[in-house]
C-alpha atoms as a PDB file:
ATOM      1  CA  UNK A   1     138.360 261.478  76.686  1.00  0.00           C
ATOM      2  CA  UNK A   2     136.063 260.426  79.539  1.00  0.00           C
ATOM      3  CA  UNK A   3     136.613 257.062  81.180  1.00  0.00           C
ATOM      4  CA  UNK A   4     133.384 255.425  82.342  1.00  0.00           C
ATOM      5  CA  UNK A   5     133.362 253.220  85.394  1.00  0.00           C
ATOM      6  CA  UNK A   6     131.932 249.723  84.894  1.00  0.00           C
ATOM      7  CA  UNK A   7     130.661 247.440  87.670  1.00  0.00           C
ATOM      8  CA  UNK A   8     129.643 248.130  91.222  1.00  0.00           C
ATOM      9  CA  UNK A   9     131.541 249.668  94.099  1.00  0.00           C
ATOM     10  CA  UNK A  10     131.861 247.762  97.333  1.00  0.00           C
ATOM     11  CA  UNK A  11     129.462 250.165  99.101  1.00  0.00           C
ATOM     12  CA  UNK A  12     126.758 249.680  96.456  1.00  0.00           C
ATOM     13  CA  UNK A  13     127.139 245.903  96.734  1.00  0.00           C
ATOM     14  CA  UNK A  14     126.895 245.980 100.552  1.00  0.00           C
ATOM     15  CA  UNK A  15     123.748 248.173 100.486  1.00  0.00           C
ATOM     16  CA  UNK A  16     122.085 245.850  97.983  1.00  0.00           C
ATOM     17  CA  UNK A  17     122.993 242.834 100.079  1.00  0.00           C
ATOM     18  CA  UNK A  18     121.629 244.459 103.264  1.00  0.00           C
ATOM     19  CA  UNK A  19     118.285 245.262 101.543  1.00  0.00           C
ATOM     20  CA  UNK A  20     118.072 241.666 100.280  1.00  0.00           C
ATOM     21  CA  UNK A  21     118.699 240.284 103.807  1.00  0.00           C
ATOM     22  CA  UNK A  22     116.000 242.502 105.322  1.00  0.00           C
ATOM     23  CA  UNK A  23     113.500 241.449 102.670  1.00  0.00           C
ATOM     24  CA  UNK A  24     114.268 237.761 103.245  1.00  0.00           C
ATOM     25  CA  UNK A  25     114.013 238.148 107.038  1.00  0.00           C
ATOM     26  CA  UNK A  26     110.552 239.617 106.638  1.00  0.00           C
ATOM     27  CA  UNK A  27     109.365 237.305 103.849  1.00  0.00           C
ATOM     28  CA  UNK A  28     110.474 233.845 104.980  1.00  0.00           C
ATOM     29  CA  UNK A  29     108.181 233.537 108.074  1.00  0.00           C
ATOM     30  CA  UNK A  30     105.200 234.647 105.996  1.00  0.00           C
ATOM     31  CA  UNK A  31     106.137 232.121 103.291  1.00  0.00           C
ATOM     32  CA  UNK A  32     106.362 229.287 105.857  1.00  0.00           C
ATOM     33  CA  UNK A  33     102.946 230.219 107.207  1.00  0.00           C
ATOM     34  CA  UNK A  34     101.552 230.275 103.669  1.00  0.00           C
ATOM     35  CA  UNK A  35     102.953 226.766 103.018  1.00  0.00           C
ATOM     36  CA  UNK A  36     101.425 225.467 106.271  1.00  0.00           C
ATOM     37  CA  UNK A  37      98.056 226.986 105.321  1.00  0.00           C
ATOM     38  CA  UNK A  38      98.170 225.343 101.898  1.00  0.00           C
ATOM     39  CA  UNK A  39      98.969 221.973 103.511  1.00  0.00           C
ATOM     40  CA  UNK A  40      95.972 222.456 105.806  1.00  0.00           C
ATOM     41  CA  UNK A  41      93.778 223.089 102.762  1.00  0.00           C
ATOM     42  CA  UNK A  42      95.129 219.988 101.009  1.00  0.00           C
ATOM     43  CA  UNK A  43      94.554 217.890 104.121  1.00  0.00           C
ATOM     44  CA  UNK A  44      90.991 219.193 104.399  1.00  0.00           C
ATOM     45  CA  UNK A  45      90.325 218.299 100.753  1.00  0.00           C
ATOM     46  CA  UNK A  46      91.743 214.817 101.366  1.00  0.00           C
ATOM     47  CA  UNK A  47      89.441 214.272 104.348  1.00  0.00           C
ATOM     48  CA  UNK A  48      86.405 215.552 102.406  1.00  0.00           C
ATOM     49  CA  UNK A  49      87.185 213.171  99.535  1.00  0.00           C
ATOM     50  CA  UNK A  50      87.629 210.297 102.014  1.00  0.00           C
ATOM     51  CA  UNK A  51      84.251 210.942 103.623  1.00  0.00           C
ATOM     52  CA  UNK A  52      82.631 211.329 100.217  1.00  0.00           C
ATOM     53  CA  UNK A  53      84.182 208.001  99.139  1.00  0.00           C
ATOM     54  CA  UNK A  54      82.799 206.293 102.239  1.00  0.00           C
ATOM     55  CA  UNK A  55      79.310 207.698 101.697  1.00  0.00           C
ATOM     56  CA  UNK A  56      79.337 206.788  97.998  1.00  0.00           C
ATOM     57  CA  UNK A  57      80.565 203.256  98.707  1.00  0.00           C
ATOM     58  CA  UNK A  58      77.869 202.801 101.346  1.00  0.00           C
ATOM     59  CA  UNK A  59      75.158 203.741  98.887  1.00  0.00           C
ATOM     60  CA  UNK A  60      76.723 201.787  96.019  1.00  0.00           C
ATOM     61  CA  UNK A  61      77.261 198.603  98.025  1.00  0.00           C
ATOM     62  CA  UNK A  62      73.991 198.977  99.977  1.00  0.00           C
ATOM     63  CA  UNK A  63      75.878 198.253 103.191  1.00  0.00           C
ATOM     64  CA  UNK A  64      77.209 200.408 106.042  1.00  0.00           C
ATOM     65  CA  UNK A  65      80.670 201.872 105.448  1.00  0.00           C
ATOM     66  CA  UNK A  66      82.864 203.504 108.106  1.00  0.00           C
ATOM     67  CA  UNK A  67      85.948 205.654 108.332  1.00  0.00           C
ATOM     68  CA  UNK A  68      88.205 205.388 111.356  1.00  0.00           C
ATOM     69  CA  UNK A  69      91.665 206.518 112.508  1.00  0.00           C
ATOM     70  CA  UNK A  70      94.479 203.924 112.193  1.00  0.00           C
ATOM     71  CA  UNK A  71      96.628 202.573 114.977  1.00  0.00           C
ATOM     72  CA  UNK A  72     100.246 203.673 114.623  1.00  0.00           C
ATOM     73  CA  UNK A  73     102.059 201.349 112.231  1.00  0.00           C
ATOM     74  CA  UNK A  74      99.074 198.965 111.865  1.00  0.00           C
ATOM     75  CA  UNK A  75      96.249 198.535 109.421  1.00  0.00           C
ATOM     76  CA  UNK A  76      93.442 198.436 111.948  1.00  0.00           C
ATOM     77  CA  UNK A  77      91.137 200.918 113.625  1.00  0.00           C
ATOM     78  CA  UNK A  78      92.050 202.732 116.771  1.00  0.00           C
ATOM     79  CA  UNK A  79      88.488 203.170 118.001  1.00  0.00           C
ATOM     80  CA  UNK A  80      89.660 204.713 121.276  1.00  0.00           C
ATOM     81  CA  UNK A  81      91.537 207.525 119.486  1.00  0.00           C
ATOM     82  CA  UNK A  82      90.201 210.785 118.221  1.00  0.00           C
ATOM     83  CA  UNK A  83      93.475 211.821 116.555  1.00  0.00           C
ATOM     84  CA  UNK A  84      93.710 210.877 112.885  1.00  0.00           C
ATOM     85  CA  UNK A  85      97.367 211.790 112.286  1.00  0.00           C
ATOM     86  CA  UNK A  86      98.423 208.126 111.813  1.00  0.00           C
ATOM     87  CA  UNK A  87      96.217 207.784 108.749  1.00  0.00           C
ATOM     88  CA  UNK A  88      92.732 206.280 108.401  1.00  0.00           C
ATOM     89  CA  UNK A  89      90.771 203.385 106.944  1.00  0.00           C
ATOM     90  CA  UNK A  90      87.598 203.141 104.885  1.00  0.00           C
ATOM     91  CA  UNK A  91      85.838 199.750 105.280  1.00  0.00           C
ATOM     92  CA  UNK A  92      82.479 198.041 105.178  1.00  0.00           C
ATOM     93  CA  UNK A  93      81.000 197.914 108.661  1.00  0.00           C
ATOM     94  CA  UNK A  94      78.225 195.337 108.559  1.00  0.00           C
ATOM     95  CA  UNK A  95      78.679 194.397 112.214  1.00  0.00           C
ATOM     96  CA  UNK A  96      78.758 197.996 113.380  1.00  0.00           C
ATOM     97  CA  UNK A  97      81.603 197.279 115.753  1.00  0.00           C
ATOM     98  CA  UNK A  98      84.618 198.510 113.812  1.00  0.00           C
ATOM     99  CA  UNK A  99      87.142 196.725 111.645  1.00  0.00           C
ATOM    100  CA  UNK A 100      86.972 192.950 112.099  1.00  0.00           C
ATOM    101  CA  UNK A 101      89.050 191.123 109.465  1.00  0.00           C
ATOM    102  CA  UNK A 102      86.700 188.130 109.384  1.00  0.00           C
ATOM    103  CA  UNK A 103      83.507 190.146 108.792  1.00  0.00           C
ATOM    104  CA  UNK A 104      84.527 193.423 107.173  1.00  0.00           C
ATOM    105  CA  UNK A 105      86.104 194.365 103.872  1.00  0.00           C
ATOM    106  CA  UNK A 106      88.697 197.107 103.727  1.00  0.00           C
ATOM    107  CA  UNK A 107      87.964 199.530 100.880  1.00  0.00           C
ATOM    108  CA  UNK A 108      90.918 201.869 101.147  1.00  0.00           C
ATOM    109  CA  UNK A 109      93.839 202.583 103.506  1.00  0.00           C
ATOM    110  CA  UNK A 110      95.208 206.095 103.835  1.00  0.00           C
ATOM    111  CA  UNK A 111      98.760 206.567 104.996  1.00  0.00           C
ATOM    112  CA  UNK A 112      99.944 209.085 107.537  1.00  0.00           C
ATOM    113  CA  UNK A 113      99.778 212.588 106.067  1.00  0.00           C
ATOM    114  CA  UNK A 114     102.992 214.510 105.528  1.00  0.00           C
ATOM    115  CA  UNK A 115     103.897 217.586 107.542  1.00  0.00           C
ATOM    116  CA  UNK A 116     102.566 218.197 111.029  1.00  0.00           C
ATOM    117  CA  UNK A 117      98.857 217.394 110.718  1.00  0.00           C
ATOM    118  CA  UNK A 118      96.451 218.008 113.549  1.00  0.00           C
ATOM    119  CA  UNK A 119      93.247 216.115 112.762  1.00  0.00           C
ATOM    120  CA  UNK A 120      90.859 215.412 115.581  1.00  0.00           C
ATOM    121  CA  UNK A 121      87.229 214.548 116.104  1.00  0.00           C
ATOM    122  CA  UNK A 122      85.123 211.440 116.199  1.00  0.00           C
ATOM    123  CA  UNK A 123      86.651 208.021 116.729  1.00  0.00           C
ATOM    124  CA  UNK A 124      84.650 206.687 113.792  1.00  0.00           C
ATOM    125  CA  UNK A 125      82.266 208.016 111.171  1.00  0.00           C
ATOM    126  CA  UNK A 126      79.714 205.620 109.711  1.00  0.00           C
ATOM    127  CA  UNK A 127      77.416 205.947 106.712  1.00  0.00           C
ATOM    128  CA  UNK A 128      74.372 203.749 106.198  1.00  0.00           C
ATOM    129  CA  UNK A 129      73.199 202.236 102.874  1.00  0.00           C
ATOM    130  CA  UNK A 130      71.027 205.309 102.362  1.00  0.00           C
ATOM    131  CA  UNK A 131      74.083 207.607 102.629  1.00  0.00           C
ATOM    132  CA  UNK A 132      73.024 209.034 105.986  1.00  0.00           C
ATOM    133  CA  UNK A 133      75.484 209.341 108.852  1.00  0.00           C
ATOM    134  CA  UNK A 134      74.957 206.583 111.395  1.00  0.00           C
ATOM    135  CA  UNK A 135      76.288 207.311 114.896  1.00  0.00           C
ATOM    136  CA  UNK A 136      77.259 204.409 117.150  1.00  0.00           C
ATOM    137  CA  UNK A 137      74.503 205.420 119.542  1.00  0.00           C
ATOM    138  CA  UNK A 138      71.211 205.410 117.564  1.00  0.00           C
ATOM    139  CA  UNK A 139      69.771 208.033 119.934  1.00  0.00           C
ATOM    140  CA  UNK A 140      72.583 210.485 119.147  1.00  0.00           C
ATOM    141  CA  UNK A 141      71.348 212.289 116.057  1.00  0.00           C
ATOM    142  CA  UNK A 142      73.891 215.121 116.080  1.00  0.00           C
ATOM    143  CA  UNK A 143      76.338 216.369 113.516  1.00  0.00           C
ATOM    144  CA  UNK A 144      79.892 215.084 113.778  1.00  0.00           C
ATOM    145  CA  UNK A 145      82.685 217.630 113.693  1.00  0.00           C
ATOM    146  CA  UNK A 146      86.357 217.102 112.835  1.00  0.00           C
ATOM    147  CA  UNK A 147      89.019 219.772 113.172  1.00  0.00           C
ATOM    148  CA  UNK A 148      91.676 219.800 110.454  1.00  0.00           C
ATOM    149  CA  UNK A 149      94.794 221.969 110.473  1.00  0.00           C
ATOM    150  CA  UNK A 150      98.531 221.951 110.088  1.00  0.00           C
ATOM    151  CA  UNK A 151     100.312 222.435 113.394  1.00  0.00           C
ATOM    152  CA  UNK A 152     102.433 225.273 111.956  1.00  0.00           C
ATOM    153  CA  UNK A 153      99.439 226.944 110.298  1.00  0.00           C
ATOM    154  CA  UNK A 154      97.898 230.119 111.618  1.00  0.00           C
ATOM    155  CA  UNK A 155      94.650 229.943 113.560  1.00  0.00           C
ATOM    156  CA  UNK A 156      92.894 231.408 110.544  1.00  0.00           C
ATOM    157  CA  UNK A 157      93.795 228.240 108.607  1.00  0.00           C
ATOM    158  CA  UNK A 158      91.944 225.937 110.998  1.00  0.00           C
ATOM    159  CA  UNK A 159      89.055 224.179 109.325  1.00  0.00           C
ATOM    160  CA  UNK A 160      86.147 222.273 110.673  1.00  0.00           C
ATOM    161  CA  UNK A 161      84.579 219.415 108.712  1.00  0.00           C
ATOM    162  CA  UNK A 162      80.996 218.797 109.721  1.00  0.00           C
ATOM    163  CA  UNK A 163      79.171 215.612 108.747  1.00  0.00           C
ATOM    164  CA  UNK A 164      75.457 216.272 108.943  1.00  0.00           C
ATOM    165  CA  UNK A 165      72.964 213.567 109.898  1.00  0.00           C
ATOM    166  CA  UNK A 166      72.026 213.448 106.210  1.00  0.00           C
ATOM    167  CA  UNK A 167      75.636 212.428 105.393  1.00  0.00           C
ATOM    168  CA  UNK A 168      76.514 215.697 103.648  1.00  0.00           C
ATOM    169  CA  UNK A 169      80.018 216.965 104.483  1.00  0.00           C
ATOM    170  CA  UNK A 170      80.636 220.682 104.739  1.00  0.00           C
ATOM    171  CA  UNK A 171      83.663 222.730 105.673  1.00  0.00           C
ATOM    172  CA  UNK A 172      83.739 225.804 107.871  1.00  0.00           C
ATOM    173  CA  UNK A 173      86.744 227.965 108.727  1.00  0.00           C
ATOM    174  CA  UNK A 174      86.770 228.043 112.501  1.00  0.00           C
ATOM    175  CA  UNK A 175      88.988 226.823 115.286  1.00  0.00           C
ATOM    176  CA  UNK A 176      86.559 224.706 117.305  1.00  0.00           C
ATOM    177  CA  UNK A 177      84.164 222.098 115.999  1.00  0.00           C
ATOM    178  CA  UNK A 178      80.897 220.784 117.400  1.00  0.00           C
END
């Protein structure tokens, strides 16, 4: 009669555990990078939808609408900042000067994004009633660029949102924006 061994020996268990540890050590950094890259994509989509909302509202209301970065902890524009990591506001901008509670109507407030966002670019983006981008300086008819990425993301995950003079928003995968 032959007795068959059931279960694992200690050596087999240790070898299996060592292989699992090596696989985890190699896989976890790549997984964290993948998560950061997906957050960057989600943040880019959120910014595109915000700019599209502003443009649509400008055409629908037949009045200028602007998007600006928020001051930390406040619901007002930080027109001196070019970092959008505190959140942003969409509002009617009839006066053309930024958010003034007596003259302007807030359309939507966006809270600070989760993670470690790195959003930079213009201090304000305005759309006219015709849907075209309206710079603060009427003589400046250039595209506006905004860089969007997650701080932990790889350089390949950096995205550039470009708002053309026509108001159309496009995304390009590159590290520096115009």
